Protein backbone atom coordinates (compact mmCIF):
# COMPACT_ATOMS: atom_id res chain seq x y z
CA MET A 1 143.47 148.35 186.35
CA THR A 2 143.75 152.04 185.58
CA GLY A 3 142.94 153.60 182.25
CA GLY A 4 139.86 154.33 180.22
CA PHE A 5 139.39 150.86 179.00
CA LYS A 6 136.55 148.68 180.22
CA MET A 7 136.32 144.99 179.74
CA ASN A 8 133.14 144.03 177.86
CA LYS A 9 131.36 140.98 179.07
CA PRO A 10 131.05 138.27 176.43
CA ALA A 11 127.64 138.31 174.79
CA GLU A 12 125.42 135.59 175.99
CA LEU A 13 124.31 133.23 173.24
CA ALA A 14 120.61 132.65 172.87
CA PRO A 15 119.68 129.10 173.68
CA VAL A 16 119.15 126.97 170.56
CA LYS A 17 115.66 125.69 170.39
CA PRO A 18 115.39 122.07 169.41
CA LYS A 19 113.88 121.48 165.97
CA LYS A 20 110.36 120.34 166.00
CA LYS A 21 109.94 116.89 164.71
CA SER A 22 107.78 116.55 161.61
CA ARG A 23 104.30 115.52 162.49
CA LEU A 24 104.21 113.34 159.34
CA SER A 25 105.97 110.05 159.35
CA GLN A 26 108.44 109.19 156.62
CA LYS A 27 106.00 106.68 155.18
CA THR A 28 103.25 109.29 154.98
CA GLU A 29 105.56 111.81 153.31
CA LYS A 30 106.52 109.18 150.76
CA ARG A 31 102.87 108.51 149.99
CA ILE A 32 102.14 112.21 149.56
CA LEU A 33 105.11 112.58 147.22
CA ILE A 34 104.04 109.61 145.09
CA PHE A 35 100.46 110.91 144.97
CA THR A 36 101.62 114.38 143.93
CA PHE A 37 103.71 113.09 141.05
CA THR A 38 100.99 110.63 139.97
CA ILE A 39 97.90 112.81 140.08
CA ILE A 40 99.02 115.13 137.25
CA PRO A 41 99.48 112.43 134.56
CA VAL A 42 96.31 110.70 135.74
CA VAL A 43 94.32 113.92 135.42
CA LEU A 44 95.80 114.56 131.97
CA LEU A 45 94.95 111.00 130.94
CA LEU A 46 91.35 111.44 132.07
CA LEU A 47 90.97 114.84 130.44
CA LEU A 48 92.74 114.12 127.15
CA SER A 49 91.84 110.46 126.60
CA TYR A 50 88.86 109.11 128.50
CA TYR A 51 86.74 112.26 128.63
CA PRO A 52 86.95 112.80 124.82
CA LEU A 53 86.12 109.11 124.35
CA VAL A 54 82.99 109.45 126.47
CA LYS A 55 81.98 112.63 124.64
CA MET A 56 82.57 110.96 121.27
CA PHE A 57 80.21 108.16 122.21
CA GLN A 58 77.70 110.74 123.41
CA TYR A 59 77.91 112.64 120.11
CA SER A 60 77.47 109.39 118.17
CA LEU A 61 73.95 109.15 119.58
CA THR A 62 72.99 112.60 118.27
CA ASP A 63 72.78 114.47 114.98
CA TRP A 64 75.13 117.25 116.12
CA ASN A 65 76.66 119.24 113.25
CA GLY A 66 79.73 120.45 115.14
CA TYR A 67 78.80 124.09 115.73
CA SER A 68 75.15 124.25 116.74
CA PRO A 69 74.53 124.57 120.50
CA ASP A 70 71.65 122.11 120.22
CA SER A 71 71.48 118.55 118.97
CA THR A 72 68.80 115.89 118.67
CA PHE A 73 69.08 112.44 120.22
CA VAL A 74 68.83 109.83 117.46
CA GLY A 75 69.85 106.69 119.35
CA LEU A 76 71.60 104.07 117.23
CA GLU A 77 70.51 105.60 113.92
CA ASN A 78 74.04 106.76 113.08
CA TYR A 79 75.42 103.26 113.64
CA LYS A 80 72.69 101.83 111.43
CA THR A 81 73.59 104.30 108.69
CA VAL A 82 77.28 103.42 108.82
CA LEU A 83 76.70 99.66 108.79
CA THR A 84 74.03 99.63 106.07
CA ASN A 85 75.11 102.42 103.71
CA PRO A 86 77.84 101.17 101.33
CA LYS A 87 79.13 104.72 101.00
CA TYR A 88 80.55 104.57 104.52
CA PHE A 89 81.47 100.99 105.27
CA THR A 90 82.73 99.64 101.94
CA VAL A 91 85.77 101.95 102.07
CA PHE A 92 87.26 99.30 104.35
CA LYS A 93 88.14 97.39 101.19
CA THR A 94 90.90 99.95 100.65
CA SER A 95 92.44 98.72 103.89
CA LEU A 96 93.01 95.32 102.26
CA TYR A 97 95.91 96.79 100.27
CA TYR A 98 97.56 98.03 103.46
CA PHE A 99 96.68 94.78 105.22
CA ILE A 100 98.59 92.78 102.59
CA ALA A 101 101.42 95.33 102.69
CA THR A 102 101.68 94.72 106.45
CA PHE A 103 102.74 91.10 105.92
CA LEU A 104 105.27 92.11 103.25
CA GLN A 105 106.54 94.84 105.55
CA LEU A 106 107.05 92.41 108.44
CA ALA A 107 108.73 89.85 106.16
CA VAL A 108 111.19 92.42 104.78
CA ALA A 109 111.90 93.83 108.25
CA LEU A 110 112.49 90.37 109.73
CA LEU A 111 114.72 89.39 106.81
CA PHE A 112 117.02 92.39 107.16
CA ALA A 113 116.99 92.20 110.96
CA THR A 114 118.14 88.58 110.76
CA ILE A 115 120.86 89.32 108.23
CA LEU A 116 122.21 92.37 110.09
CA SER A 117 122.15 90.59 113.45
CA PHE A 118 125.13 88.56 112.21
CA LYS A 119 128.52 89.92 111.25
CA VAL A 120 128.02 91.91 108.06
CA LYS A 121 130.20 94.58 106.49
CA PHE A 122 128.89 98.13 106.97
CA ALA A 123 126.13 96.79 109.22
CA ASN A 124 125.62 100.12 110.99
CA PHE A 125 125.31 101.91 107.66
CA TRP A 126 122.58 99.56 106.45
CA LYS A 127 120.79 99.83 109.79
CA GLY A 128 120.70 103.60 109.38
CA VAL A 129 119.47 103.33 105.80
CA LEU A 130 116.61 101.05 106.83
CA PHE A 131 115.54 103.09 109.85
CA PHE A 132 115.89 106.54 108.29
CA PRO A 133 112.48 106.61 106.50
CA TYR A 134 110.69 106.16 109.81
CA LEU A 135 112.29 109.36 111.10
CA LEU A 136 110.81 111.42 108.29
CA ASN A 137 107.59 113.34 108.73
CA GLY A 138 104.53 111.86 107.02
CA VAL A 139 103.93 115.10 105.09
CA ALA A 140 107.50 115.07 103.78
CA ILE A 141 107.16 111.45 102.68
CA GLY A 142 103.90 112.26 100.93
CA PHE A 143 105.52 115.01 98.86
CA ILE A 144 108.61 112.89 98.14
CA PHE A 145 106.49 110.11 96.68
CA LEU A 146 104.22 112.55 94.85
CA TYR A 147 107.27 113.52 92.81
CA PHE A 148 108.38 109.89 92.64
CA TYR A 149 105.07 108.76 91.10
CA LYS A 150 104.14 111.78 89.01
CA GLY A 151 104.26 111.66 85.21
CA GLY A 152 107.85 112.07 84.09
CA GLY A 153 109.02 111.73 87.68
CA THR A 154 111.65 109.51 89.25
CA LEU A 155 109.93 106.17 88.69
CA ASP A 156 109.05 106.91 85.07
CA THR A 157 112.62 108.11 84.41
CA VAL A 158 114.09 104.90 85.83
CA LEU A 159 111.73 102.73 83.77
CA SER A 160 112.58 104.66 80.61
CA ALA A 161 116.30 104.25 81.29
CA LEU A 162 115.76 100.49 81.59
CA GLY A 163 113.82 100.38 78.32
CA LEU A 164 110.51 99.65 80.07
CA ASP A 165 108.49 102.54 78.67
CA SER A 166 105.54 100.21 78.09
CA GLN A 167 105.29 99.69 81.86
CA ILE A 168 104.84 103.38 82.68
CA ARG A 169 101.44 104.00 84.26
CA LEU A 170 99.47 106.70 85.99
CA TRP A 171 100.64 105.42 89.35
CA LEU A 172 98.24 107.56 91.38
CA GLY A 173 95.57 107.97 88.71
CA GLU A 174 94.62 104.45 87.66
CA ARG A 175 92.28 102.68 90.05
CA SER A 176 93.97 99.35 89.39
CA ILE A 177 97.34 100.55 90.65
CA ASN A 178 96.94 103.66 92.83
CA ASN A 179 96.24 101.85 96.11
CA ILE A 180 99.19 99.55 95.47
CA SER A 181 101.41 102.61 95.00
CA LEU A 182 100.15 104.12 98.26
CA ALA A 183 100.57 100.83 100.14
CA PHE A 184 104.16 100.60 98.90
CA THR A 185 104.79 104.11 100.24
CA SER A 186 103.46 103.04 103.62
CA LEU A 187 105.63 99.90 103.50
CA TRP A 188 108.73 101.98 102.75
CA ARG A 189 107.97 104.30 105.65
CA TYR A 190 107.26 101.77 108.43
CA THR A 191 109.61 98.90 107.59
CA GLY A 192 112.40 100.59 109.57
CA PHE A 193 110.28 100.66 112.72
CA ASN A 194 109.56 96.91 112.56
CA PHE A 195 113.17 96.26 111.61
CA LEU A 196 114.47 98.01 114.74
CA ILE A 197 112.14 96.06 117.03
CA PHE A 198 113.06 92.74 115.39
CA LEU A 199 116.76 93.56 115.55
CA GLY A 200 116.63 94.33 119.26
CA ALA A 201 114.74 91.10 119.96
CA ILE A 202 117.14 88.97 117.91
CA GLN A 203 120.22 90.48 119.54
CA SER A 204 118.79 89.64 122.97
CA VAL A 205 119.11 85.92 122.20
CA ASN A 206 122.02 84.33 124.05
CA PRO A 207 125.01 84.01 121.63
CA GLU A 208 125.90 80.67 123.21
CA VAL A 209 122.77 79.21 121.66
CA TYR A 210 124.09 80.05 118.19
CA GLU A 211 127.49 78.61 119.04
CA ALA A 212 125.94 75.35 120.22
CA ALA A 213 123.83 75.18 117.05
CA GLU A 214 126.89 75.73 114.84
CA ILE A 215 128.71 72.94 116.67
CA ASP A 216 125.78 70.64 115.89
CA GLY A 217 126.07 71.56 112.21
CA ALA A 218 123.18 74.03 111.92
CA ASN A 219 123.28 76.53 109.05
CA ARG A 220 121.83 80.04 109.01
CA TRP A 221 118.42 78.84 107.88
CA ASP A 222 118.30 76.34 110.74
CA GLU A 223 119.27 79.06 113.21
CA PHE A 224 116.54 81.30 111.86
CA ARG A 225 113.90 78.58 111.90
CA TYR A 226 114.65 76.88 115.20
CA ILE A 227 116.26 79.64 117.29
CA ILE A 228 115.33 83.12 116.11
CA VAL A 229 111.65 82.67 115.26
CA PRO A 230 110.72 80.77 118.46
CA SER A 231 112.71 83.25 120.58
CA ILE A 232 111.01 86.37 119.18
CA ARG A 233 107.54 84.92 118.60
CA LYS A 234 105.90 87.42 120.95
CA ILE A 235 107.59 90.32 119.18
CA ILE A 236 106.41 89.03 115.82
CA PHE A 237 102.82 88.94 117.02
CA LEU A 238 103.20 92.37 118.59
CA ASN A 239 104.33 93.84 115.29
CA LEU A 240 101.52 91.98 113.55
CA ILE A 241 98.94 93.53 115.89
CA LEU A 242 100.38 97.00 115.33
CA GLY A 243 100.46 96.45 111.57
CA ILE A 244 96.87 95.24 111.33
CA SER A 245 95.61 98.06 113.53
CA GLY A 246 97.55 100.52 111.40
CA SER A 247 96.13 99.13 108.16
CA LEU A 248 92.62 99.79 109.46
CA SER A 249 93.39 103.39 110.44
CA VAL A 250 95.54 104.60 107.53
CA PHE A 251 95.26 108.34 107.06
CA ASP A 252 98.25 110.57 106.35
CA ILE A 253 99.78 108.98 103.22
CA PRO A 254 96.57 108.71 101.10
CA TYR A 255 95.23 112.02 102.44
CA ILE A 256 98.38 113.95 101.48
CA MET A 257 98.96 112.24 98.14
CA THR A 258 95.43 111.82 96.75
CA SER A 259 93.05 113.32 99.33
CA GLY A 260 91.19 110.03 99.16
CA ALA A 261 90.14 110.57 95.56
CA ASN A 262 89.81 108.02 92.77
CA GLY A 263 89.17 104.98 94.95
CA THR A 264 91.84 105.68 97.58
CA MET A 265 89.42 106.76 100.32
CA THR A 266 90.11 105.11 103.67
CA PHE A 267 87.74 104.84 106.61
CA VAL A 268 89.60 107.50 108.60
CA ILE A 269 89.57 109.98 105.70
CA GLN A 270 85.86 109.26 105.25
CA THR A 271 85.31 109.94 108.96
CA ILE A 272 87.15 113.27 108.86
CA ASP A 273 85.33 114.39 105.71
CA THR A 274 82.00 113.45 107.27
CA ALA A 275 82.76 115.52 110.37
CA PHE A 276 84.42 118.63 108.95
CA LYS A 277 83.43 118.73 105.30
CA TYR A 278 79.80 117.68 105.58
CA ASN A 279 79.30 118.84 109.21
CA LYS A 280 77.96 115.51 110.43
CA VAL A 281 79.89 115.18 113.67
CA GLY A 282 77.37 112.79 115.18
CA LEU A 283 77.66 110.38 112.26
CA ALA A 284 81.46 110.75 112.20
CA SER A 285 81.61 109.97 115.91
CA ALA A 286 79.69 106.75 115.29
CA MET A 287 82.22 105.85 112.57
CA ALA A 288 85.08 106.51 114.99
CA VAL A 289 83.49 104.33 117.67
CA ILE A 290 83.02 101.50 115.15
CA LEU A 291 86.68 101.75 114.11
CA LEU A 292 87.75 101.67 117.76
CA VAL A 293 85.67 98.55 118.39
CA ILE A 294 87.15 96.81 115.33
CA VAL A 295 90.71 97.58 116.43
CA LEU A 296 89.97 96.34 119.96
CA VAL A 297 88.44 93.12 118.62
CA VAL A 298 91.48 92.49 116.40
CA THR A 299 93.79 93.10 119.36
CA LEU A 300 91.84 90.74 121.63
CA ILE A 301 91.82 88.00 118.96
CA GLN A 302 95.58 88.33 118.54
CA ARG A 303 96.14 88.19 122.31
CA ARG A 304 93.90 85.15 122.61
CA PHE A 305 95.84 83.47 119.82
CA ILE A 306 99.15 84.22 121.53
CA THR A 307 97.84 82.87 124.85
CA GLU A 308 96.72 79.63 123.23
CA LYS A 309 100.10 79.26 121.52
CA GLU A 310 101.91 79.70 124.82
CA GLY A 311 99.58 77.23 126.52
């Protein structure tokens, strides 16, 4: 063919090299992936939970003041001081007020959870009202009830309006009433949490059980006694364990409202003051270890009791 045009040969394509198969099997890759995603939380758990626990026990055997590079080994002397000196251990009597409030708290929460598990007008509204206090910050609740209890505050105003001026007291000042006032504050704050757990457990009961009970002539009290309580027994004991443990380690409410003054000192406030106010970190560590042991013992007793009940 004449002309200045030349036919270009089609470019030869480079041969495609086959992909190398992964040397790792699918099972091995899966194990590596699981290990990678597990190691981080495990390391954080060890560093932020178990390591401080070991160090706390180590400090409890010394007289470390919290800032000195040196400390002296004193053995079990700190534990002996805590267990024999009334200044440190008798503050547990304050926990009795919160311990009693725990049972009232569970009773109120279970009552409202039972009522609102049935068809009630504005049920969602009342659920929100009951759970709302638990969403509030402990500091905010402390300041709210400081105004509520203060002289001429909300509570005194309500009592005066009802003609009960003779019942007005120094709610946070009198030793005979201040711990009751603080325990009530704690009850108001945590009832919503127990209520929500109870409500979820009650609503998980098969509705057909209620229908069969109604056919047999059971009333609401019978349904509560023979259906609800047996069905949520484990949840009741769970809330009881949490409540008792919480009553032993109360801190934020009394610390914010009274700073532990005038007979409202709790064991946790005493521990913090010992460590950071009096610079006795070794002694405070021993107090923390003792509190941990008490909480663990209470938990084990409750679990043993539940196991025996199930058996």
